[in-house]
């Protein structure tokens, strides 16, 4: 498992993406899958940077665990910000027009649809969100 802990600030998004991509390259991850993972990582990390510690600051830890045998990757995001379970919110009604839909939730919805598994827990004062993708 590889791990990085950095201040949860928007300017560190490129560092997070490069870290995840370096791990994916070790598995010869297909480009389409890497793009899906990158979009999910961006959505989840940006949410932490924007909301977890607002108005203050704190760290985010990103863990990447790969399983070459099953060709899966698990990416876990940890923060000690405000407890928030993004999976508890109902999915947006995508049959409605953009004007009719409530603001928010579309990014998490896209992550849920593009990943093979997504789970959240709150343990020891930490938000722990894990996404899993088969390569």
N, C-alpha and C. Protein backbone atom coordinates (compact mmCIF):
# COMPACT_ATOMS: atom_id res chain seq x y z
N UNK A 1 0.84 -1.18 0.00
CA UNK A 1 0.00 0.00 0.00
C UNK A 1 0.89 1.24 0.00
N UNK A 2 0.47 2.22 -0.79
CA UNK A 2 1.16 3.50 -0.84
C UNK A 2 0.27 4.54 -0.18
N UNK A 3 0.89 5.54 0.44
CA UNK A 3 0.12 6.53 1.21
C UNK A 3 0.78 7.89 1.11
N UNK A 4 -0.05 8.93 1.06
CA UNK A 4 0.44 10.30 1.08
C UNK A 4 -0.47 11.10 2.01
N UNK A 5 0.12 11.96 2.82
CA UNK A 5 -0.64 12.87 3.67
C UNK A 5 -0.18 14.28 3.33
N UNK A 6 -1.16 15.12 3.00
CA UNK A 6 -0.85 16.49 2.60
C UNK A 6 -1.91 17.44 3.15
N UNK A 7 -1.58 18.74 3.22
CA UNK A 7 -2.62 19.70 3.58
C UNK A 7 -3.76 19.64 2.56
N UNK A 8 -4.99 19.59 3.03
CA UNK A 8 -6.16 19.47 2.16
C UNK A 8 -6.49 20.83 1.55
N UNK A 9 -5.67 21.20 0.56
CA UNK A 9 -5.85 22.46 -0.15
C UNK A 9 -5.94 22.18 -1.64
N UNK A 10 -6.71 23.01 -2.35
CA UNK A 10 -6.92 22.80 -3.78
C UNK A 10 -5.62 22.75 -4.56
N UNK A 11 -4.65 23.54 -4.17
CA UNK A 11 -3.39 23.58 -4.92
C UNK A 11 -2.62 22.25 -4.86
N UNK A 12 -3.04 21.34 -3.99
CA UNK A 12 -2.38 20.03 -3.90
C UNK A 12 -3.06 18.94 -4.73
N UNK A 13 -4.09 19.31 -5.50
CA UNK A 13 -4.80 18.32 -6.32
C UNK A 13 -3.86 17.63 -7.30
N UNK A 14 -2.99 18.38 -7.96
CA UNK A 14 -2.07 17.77 -8.93
C UNK A 14 -1.14 16.76 -8.25
N UNK A 15 -0.73 17.04 -7.03
CA UNK A 15 0.13 16.12 -6.28
C UNK A 15 -0.62 14.82 -6.00
N UNK A 16 -1.89 14.93 -5.61
CA UNK A 16 -2.70 13.75 -5.32
C UNK A 16 -2.90 12.93 -6.59
N UNK A 17 -3.26 13.59 -7.68
CA UNK A 17 -3.49 12.89 -8.95
C UNK A 17 -2.22 12.19 -9.42
N UNK A 18 -1.09 12.86 -9.35
CA UNK A 18 0.19 12.26 -9.77
C UNK A 18 0.53 11.06 -8.90
N UNK A 19 0.27 11.15 -7.62
CA UNK A 19 0.51 10.04 -6.70
C UNK A 19 -0.33 8.83 -7.08
N UNK A 20 -1.62 9.03 -7.31
CA UNK A 20 -2.51 7.93 -7.68
C UNK A 20 -2.10 7.35 -9.04
N UNK A 21 -1.83 8.22 -10.01
CA UNK A 21 -1.46 7.76 -11.35
C UNK A 21 -0.18 6.93 -11.34
N UNK A 22 0.77 7.29 -10.50
CA UNK A 22 2.02 6.53 -10.40
C UNK A 22 1.74 5.10 -9.95
N UNK A 23 0.80 4.94 -9.03
CA UNK A 23 0.43 3.60 -8.58
C UNK A 23 -0.32 2.83 -9.67
N UNK A 24 -1.18 3.52 -10.40
CA UNK A 24 -1.94 2.87 -11.47
C UNK A 24 -1.03 2.40 -12.60
N UNK A 25 0.01 3.16 -12.87
CA UNK A 25 0.94 2.79 -13.94
C UNK A 25 1.67 1.49 -13.64
N UNK A 26 1.85 1.19 -12.36
CA UNK A 26 2.51 -0.06 -11.99
C UNK A 26 1.67 -1.28 -12.40
N UNK A 27 0.37 -1.07 -12.59
CA UNK A 27 -0.53 -2.16 -12.99
C UNK A 27 -0.89 -2.10 -14.47
N UNK A 28 -0.22 -1.21 -15.21
CA UNK A 28 -0.58 -1.00 -16.62
C UNK A 28 -2.07 -0.74 -16.76
N UNK A 29 -2.57 0.16 -15.98
CA UNK A 29 -3.98 0.51 -15.98
C UNK A 29 -4.38 1.06 -17.35
N UNK A 30 -5.48 0.57 -17.92
CA UNK A 30 -5.96 1.12 -19.19
C UNK A 30 -6.28 2.62 -19.05
N UNK A 31 -6.01 3.39 -20.09
CA UNK A 31 -6.19 4.84 -20.03
C UNK A 31 -7.63 5.23 -19.70
N UNK A 32 -8.62 4.55 -20.27
CA UNK A 32 -10.02 4.88 -19.98
C UNK A 32 -10.31 4.72 -18.49
N UNK A 33 -9.81 3.65 -17.89
CA UNK A 33 -10.02 3.40 -16.46
C UNK A 33 -9.28 4.43 -15.63
N UNK A 34 -8.07 4.78 -16.04
CA UNK A 34 -7.29 5.79 -15.31
C UNK A 34 -8.03 7.12 -15.32
N UNK A 35 -8.63 7.48 -16.44
CA UNK A 35 -9.37 8.74 -16.51
C UNK A 35 -10.57 8.70 -15.57
N UNK A 36 -11.28 7.58 -15.54
CA UNK A 36 -12.41 7.45 -14.61
C UNK A 36 -11.95 7.60 -13.17
N UNK A 37 -10.85 6.96 -12.84
CA UNK A 37 -10.31 7.05 -11.47
C UNK A 37 -9.86 8.47 -11.17
N UNK A 38 -9.19 9.11 -12.12
CA UNK A 38 -8.73 10.48 -11.92
C UNK A 38 -9.89 11.44 -11.65
N UNK A 39 -10.99 11.27 -12.39
CA UNK A 39 -12.17 12.12 -12.18
C UNK A 39 -12.74 11.89 -10.78
N UNK A 40 -12.81 10.63 -10.37
CA UNK A 40 -13.32 10.30 -9.03
C UNK A 40 -12.41 10.88 -7.95
N UNK A 41 -11.10 10.71 -8.12
CA UNK A 41 -10.14 11.23 -7.15
C UNK A 41 -10.27 12.76 -7.05
N UNK A 42 -10.38 13.41 -8.19
CA UNK A 42 -10.53 14.87 -8.18
C UNK A 42 -11.79 15.29 -7.43
N UNK A 43 -12.91 14.66 -7.72
CA UNK A 43 -14.17 15.01 -7.06
C UNK A 43 -14.07 14.83 -5.55
N UNK A 44 -13.55 13.69 -5.12
CA UNK A 44 -13.50 13.40 -3.69
C UNK A 44 -12.49 14.29 -2.96
N UNK A 45 -11.32 14.49 -3.57
CA UNK A 45 -10.30 15.32 -2.92
C UNK A 45 -10.76 16.79 -2.85
N UNK A 46 -11.35 17.28 -3.92
CA UNK A 46 -11.82 18.68 -3.92
C UNK A 46 -12.91 18.88 -2.87
N UNK A 47 -13.77 17.89 -2.68
CA UNK A 47 -14.79 17.99 -1.63
C UNK A 47 -14.13 18.10 -0.25
N UNK A 48 -13.09 17.31 -0.01
CA UNK A 48 -12.37 17.40 1.26
C UNK A 48 -11.74 18.79 1.40
N UNK A 49 -11.06 19.24 0.35
CA UNK A 49 -10.38 20.54 0.40
C UNK A 49 -11.36 21.69 0.64
N UNK A 50 -12.55 21.59 0.04
CA UNK A 50 -13.53 22.67 0.18
C UNK A 50 -14.29 22.64 1.50
N UNK A 51 -14.67 21.44 1.96
CA UNK A 51 -15.67 21.37 3.02
C UNK A 51 -15.22 20.73 4.34
N UNK A 52 -14.25 19.85 4.33
CA UNK A 52 -13.93 19.08 5.53
C UNK A 52 -13.55 19.95 6.72
N UNK A 53 -12.76 20.98 6.48
CA UNK A 53 -12.24 21.76 7.58
C UNK A 53 -12.71 23.22 7.58
N UNK A 54 -13.58 23.57 6.65
CA UNK A 54 -14.00 24.96 6.49
C UNK A 54 -14.53 25.52 7.80
N UNK A 55 -14.11 26.71 8.20
CA UNK A 55 -13.24 27.62 7.47
C UNK A 55 -11.76 27.42 7.75
N UNK A 56 -11.40 26.42 8.51
CA UNK A 56 -9.99 26.19 8.86
C UNK A 56 -9.30 25.30 7.83
N UNK A 57 -8.23 24.67 8.28
CA UNK A 57 -7.46 23.79 7.41
C UNK A 57 -7.10 22.52 8.16
N UNK A 58 -6.76 21.49 7.40
CA UNK A 58 -6.32 20.23 7.98
C UNK A 58 -5.71 19.36 6.90
N UNK A 59 -5.35 18.16 7.25
CA UNK A 59 -4.69 17.25 6.32
C UNK A 59 -5.67 16.25 5.72
N UNK A 60 -5.26 15.72 4.57
CA UNK A 60 -5.95 14.59 3.94
C UNK A 60 -4.91 13.51 3.70
N UNK A 61 -5.30 12.27 3.95
CA UNK A 61 -4.45 11.13 3.66
C UNK A 61 -5.12 10.33 2.56
N UNK A 62 -4.32 9.99 1.54
CA UNK A 62 -4.82 9.18 0.43
C UNK A 62 -3.99 7.91 0.40
N UNK A 63 -4.68 6.78 0.43
CA UNK A 63 -4.02 5.48 0.40
C UNK A 63 -4.43 4.77 -0.88
N UNK A 64 -3.45 4.19 -1.56
CA UNK A 64 -3.73 3.42 -2.77
C UNK A 64 -3.24 2.00 -2.54
N UNK A 65 -4.17 1.08 -2.67
CA UNK A 65 -3.84 -0.34 -2.51
C UNK A 65 -4.22 -1.05 -3.80
N UNK A 66 -3.23 -1.69 -4.39
CA UNK A 66 -3.47 -2.41 -5.64
C UNK A 66 -3.39 -3.91 -5.39
N UNK A 67 -4.17 -4.63 -6.16
CA UNK A 67 -4.15 -6.09 -6.09
C UNK A 67 -3.92 -6.62 -7.50
N UNK A 68 -2.67 -6.90 -7.85
CA UNK A 68 -2.37 -7.37 -9.21
C UNK A 68 -3.12 -8.65 -9.57
N UNK A 69 -3.34 -9.53 -8.62
CA UNK A 69 -4.01 -10.80 -8.90
C UNK A 69 -5.44 -10.58 -9.37
N UNK A 70 -6.18 -9.72 -8.68
CA UNK A 70 -7.57 -9.46 -9.07
C UNK A 70 -7.69 -8.23 -9.97
N UNK A 71 -6.57 -7.56 -10.22
CA UNK A 71 -6.53 -6.35 -11.04
C UNK A 71 -7.53 -5.31 -10.55
N UNK A 72 -7.46 -5.04 -9.24
CA UNK A 72 -8.29 -4.00 -8.65
C UNK A 72 -7.42 -2.98 -7.93
N UNK A 73 -7.96 -1.80 -7.80
CA UNK A 73 -7.30 -0.75 -7.03
C UNK A 73 -8.33 -0.20 -6.05
N UNK A 74 -7.89 0.00 -4.81
CA UNK A 74 -8.71 0.63 -3.77
C UNK A 74 -8.03 1.92 -3.37
N UNK A 75 -8.78 2.99 -3.37
CA UNK A 75 -8.24 4.29 -2.99
C UNK A 75 -9.07 4.80 -1.81
N UNK A 76 -8.38 5.07 -0.71
CA UNK A 76 -9.04 5.50 0.52
C UNK A 76 -8.64 6.93 0.83
N UNK A 77 -9.64 7.74 1.15
CA UNK A 77 -9.45 9.13 1.54
C UNK A 77 -9.78 9.24 3.02
N UNK A 78 -8.86 9.83 3.79
CA UNK A 78 -9.08 10.02 5.22
C UNK A 78 -8.89 11.50 5.57
N UNK A 79 -9.80 12.00 6.38
CA UNK A 79 -9.63 13.35 6.91
C UNK A 79 -10.25 13.41 8.30
N UNK A 80 -9.84 14.39 9.07
CA UNK A 80 -10.36 14.57 10.42
C UNK A 80 -11.29 15.78 10.48
N UNK A 81 -11.91 16.06 9.37
CA UNK A 81 -12.83 17.20 9.29
C UNK A 81 -14.20 16.85 9.83
N UNK A 82 -15.16 17.68 9.50
CA UNK A 82 -16.54 17.50 9.92
C UNK A 82 -17.04 16.14 9.42
N UNK A 83 -17.66 15.34 10.27
CA UNK A 83 -18.18 14.05 9.81
C UNK A 83 -19.19 14.26 8.67
N UNK A 84 -18.98 13.55 7.57
CA UNK A 84 -19.88 13.68 6.43
C UNK A 84 -19.87 12.39 5.61
N UNK A 85 -21.02 11.79 5.49
CA UNK A 85 -21.18 10.57 4.69
C UNK A 85 -21.83 10.95 3.36
N UNK A 86 -21.05 11.04 2.29
CA UNK A 86 -21.62 11.43 1.00
C UNK A 86 -22.57 10.38 0.43
N UNK A 87 -22.51 9.16 0.95
CA UNK A 87 -23.39 8.11 0.44
C UNK A 87 -24.77 8.16 1.08
N UNK A 88 -24.93 8.93 2.15
CA UNK A 88 -26.21 9.02 2.84
C UNK A 88 -27.20 9.91 2.09
N UNK A 89 -26.69 10.79 1.27
CA UNK A 89 -27.56 11.70 0.52
C UNK A 89 -28.16 10.96 -0.67
N UNK A 90 -29.46 11.14 -0.94
CA UNK A 90 -30.05 10.45 -2.09
C UNK A 90 -29.44 10.94 -3.40
N UNK A 91 -29.41 10.05 -4.39
CA UNK A 91 -28.89 10.42 -5.70
C UNK A 91 -29.78 11.50 -6.32
N UNK A 92 -29.17 12.41 -7.10
CA UNK A 92 -29.98 13.42 -7.77
C UNK A 92 -30.85 12.78 -8.84
N UNK A 93 -31.97 13.39 -9.13
CA UNK A 93 -32.86 12.91 -10.18
C UNK A 93 -32.33 13.44 -11.51
N UNK A 94 -31.58 12.60 -12.20
CA UNK A 94 -30.95 13.04 -13.45
C UNK A 94 -31.93 13.10 -14.62
N UNK A 95 -33.19 12.72 -14.38
CA UNK A 95 -34.20 12.85 -15.43
C UNK A 95 -34.71 14.28 -15.51
N UNK A 96 -34.46 15.07 -14.45
CA UNK A 96 -34.89 16.48 -14.44
C UNK A 96 -33.88 17.33 -15.18
N UNK A 97 -34.32 18.46 -15.68
CA UNK A 97 -33.40 19.40 -16.32
C UNK A 97 -32.49 20.02 -15.26
N UNK A 98 -31.41 20.62 -15.70
CA UNK A 98 -30.47 21.25 -14.76
C UNK A 98 -31.16 22.33 -13.95
N UNK A 99 -32.12 23.03 -14.55
CA UNK A 99 -32.85 24.09 -13.84
C UNK A 99 -33.76 23.53 -12.75
N UNK A 100 -34.27 22.32 -12.95
CA UNK A 100 -35.21 21.72 -12.02
C UNK A 100 -34.53 20.96 -10.88
N UNK A 101 -33.28 20.54 -11.10
CA UNK A 101 -32.56 19.75 -10.09
C UNK A 101 -32.04 20.62 -8.97
N UNK A 102 -31.93 20.03 -7.78
CA UNK A 102 -31.30 20.73 -6.67
C UNK A 102 -29.80 20.80 -6.92
N UNK A 103 -29.18 21.83 -6.39
CA UNK A 103 -27.74 22.00 -6.54
C UNK A 103 -27.02 20.98 -5.67
N UNK A 104 -25.95 20.41 -6.21
CA UNK A 104 -25.10 19.50 -5.43
C UNK A 104 -25.46 18.05 -5.63
N UNK A 105 -24.47 17.20 -5.34
CA UNK A 105 -24.68 15.77 -5.36
C UNK A 105 -24.35 15.09 -6.67
N UNK A 106 -24.21 15.85 -7.74
CA UNK A 106 -23.96 15.23 -9.04
C UNK A 106 -22.57 14.62 -9.11
N UNK A 107 -21.58 15.25 -8.50
CA UNK A 107 -20.22 14.72 -8.52
C UNK A 107 -20.12 13.38 -7.82
N UNK A 108 -20.70 13.28 -6.63
CA UNK A 108 -20.68 12.01 -5.90
C UNK A 108 -21.46 10.94 -6.67
N UNK A 109 -22.56 11.34 -7.29
CA UNK A 109 -23.35 10.42 -8.11
C UNK A 109 -22.49 9.86 -9.26
N UNK A 110 -21.72 10.71 -9.91
CA UNK A 110 -20.85 10.27 -11.00
C UNK A 110 -19.79 9.30 -10.49
N UNK A 111 -19.24 9.58 -9.31
CA UNK A 111 -18.24 8.69 -8.73
C UNK A 111 -18.87 7.33 -8.45
N UNK A 112 -20.06 7.31 -7.85
CA UNK A 112 -20.73 6.05 -7.54
C UNK A 112 -20.99 5.24 -8.82
N UNK A 113 -21.36 5.91 -9.88
CA UNK A 113 -21.68 5.22 -11.13
C UNK A 113 -20.42 4.70 -11.84
N UNK A 114 -19.29 5.35 -11.67
CA UNK A 114 -18.08 4.97 -12.41
C UNK A 114 -17.18 3.99 -11.65
N UNK A 115 -17.38 3.85 -10.34
CA UNK A 115 -16.57 2.93 -9.56
C UNK A 115 -17.33 1.62 -9.34
N UNK A 116 -16.60 0.55 -9.03
CA UNK A 116 -17.23 -0.74 -8.78
C UNK A 116 -17.75 -0.86 -7.35
N UNK A 117 -17.16 -0.09 -6.44
CA UNK A 117 -17.62 -0.10 -5.05
C UNK A 117 -17.23 1.23 -4.42
N UNK A 118 -18.03 1.66 -3.47
CA UNK A 118 -17.74 2.90 -2.75
C UNK A 118 -18.34 2.73 -1.36
N UNK A 119 -17.53 3.00 -0.33
CA UNK A 119 -18.04 2.85 1.04
C UNK A 119 -17.45 3.93 1.94
N UNK A 120 -18.23 4.23 2.98
CA UNK A 120 -17.85 5.29 3.92
C UNK A 120 -18.01 4.77 5.35
N UNK A 121 -17.06 5.16 6.20
CA UNK A 121 -17.20 4.95 7.64
C UNK A 121 -16.62 6.18 8.34
N UNK A 122 -17.02 6.33 9.59
CA UNK A 122 -16.44 7.36 10.45
C UNK A 122 -15.90 6.64 11.67
N UNK A 123 -14.57 6.62 11.79
CA UNK A 123 -13.92 5.90 12.88
C UNK A 123 -12.80 6.74 13.47
N UNK A 124 -12.68 6.68 14.78
CA UNK A 124 -11.59 7.36 15.49
C UNK A 124 -11.44 8.82 15.06
N UNK A 125 -12.57 9.51 14.88
CA UNK A 125 -12.53 10.92 14.51
C UNK A 125 -12.15 11.17 13.07
N UNK A 126 -12.28 10.17 12.21
CA UNK A 126 -11.90 10.32 10.81
C UNK A 126 -13.03 9.93 9.86
N UNK A 127 -13.20 10.73 8.82
CA UNK A 127 -13.99 10.33 7.67
C UNK A 127 -13.12 9.39 6.86
N UNK A 128 -13.66 8.23 6.49
CA UNK A 128 -12.91 7.25 5.70
C UNK A 128 -13.79 6.84 4.52
N UNK A 129 -13.39 7.26 3.35
CA UNK A 129 -14.15 6.97 2.13
C UNK A 129 -13.25 6.17 1.19
N UNK A 130 -13.73 5.02 0.76
CA UNK A 130 -12.95 4.14 -0.11
C UNK A 130 -13.71 3.90 -1.40
N UNK A 131 -12.97 4.01 -2.52
CA UNK A 131 -13.50 3.64 -3.82
C UNK A 131 -12.69 2.46 -4.34
N UNK A 132 -13.35 1.58 -5.08
CA UNK A 132 -12.70 0.40 -5.63
C UNK A 132 -13.03 0.34 -7.11
N UNK A 133 -12.01 0.05 -7.91
CA UNK A 133 -12.21 -0.07 -9.36
C UNK A 133 -11.46 -1.27 -9.88
N UNK A 134 -12.16 -2.07 -10.68
CA UNK A 134 -11.52 -3.19 -11.38
C UNK A 134 -10.86 -2.64 -12.62
N UNK A 135 -9.63 -3.08 -12.85
CA UNK A 135 -8.90 -2.59 -14.01
C UNK A 135 -9.18 -3.47 -15.21
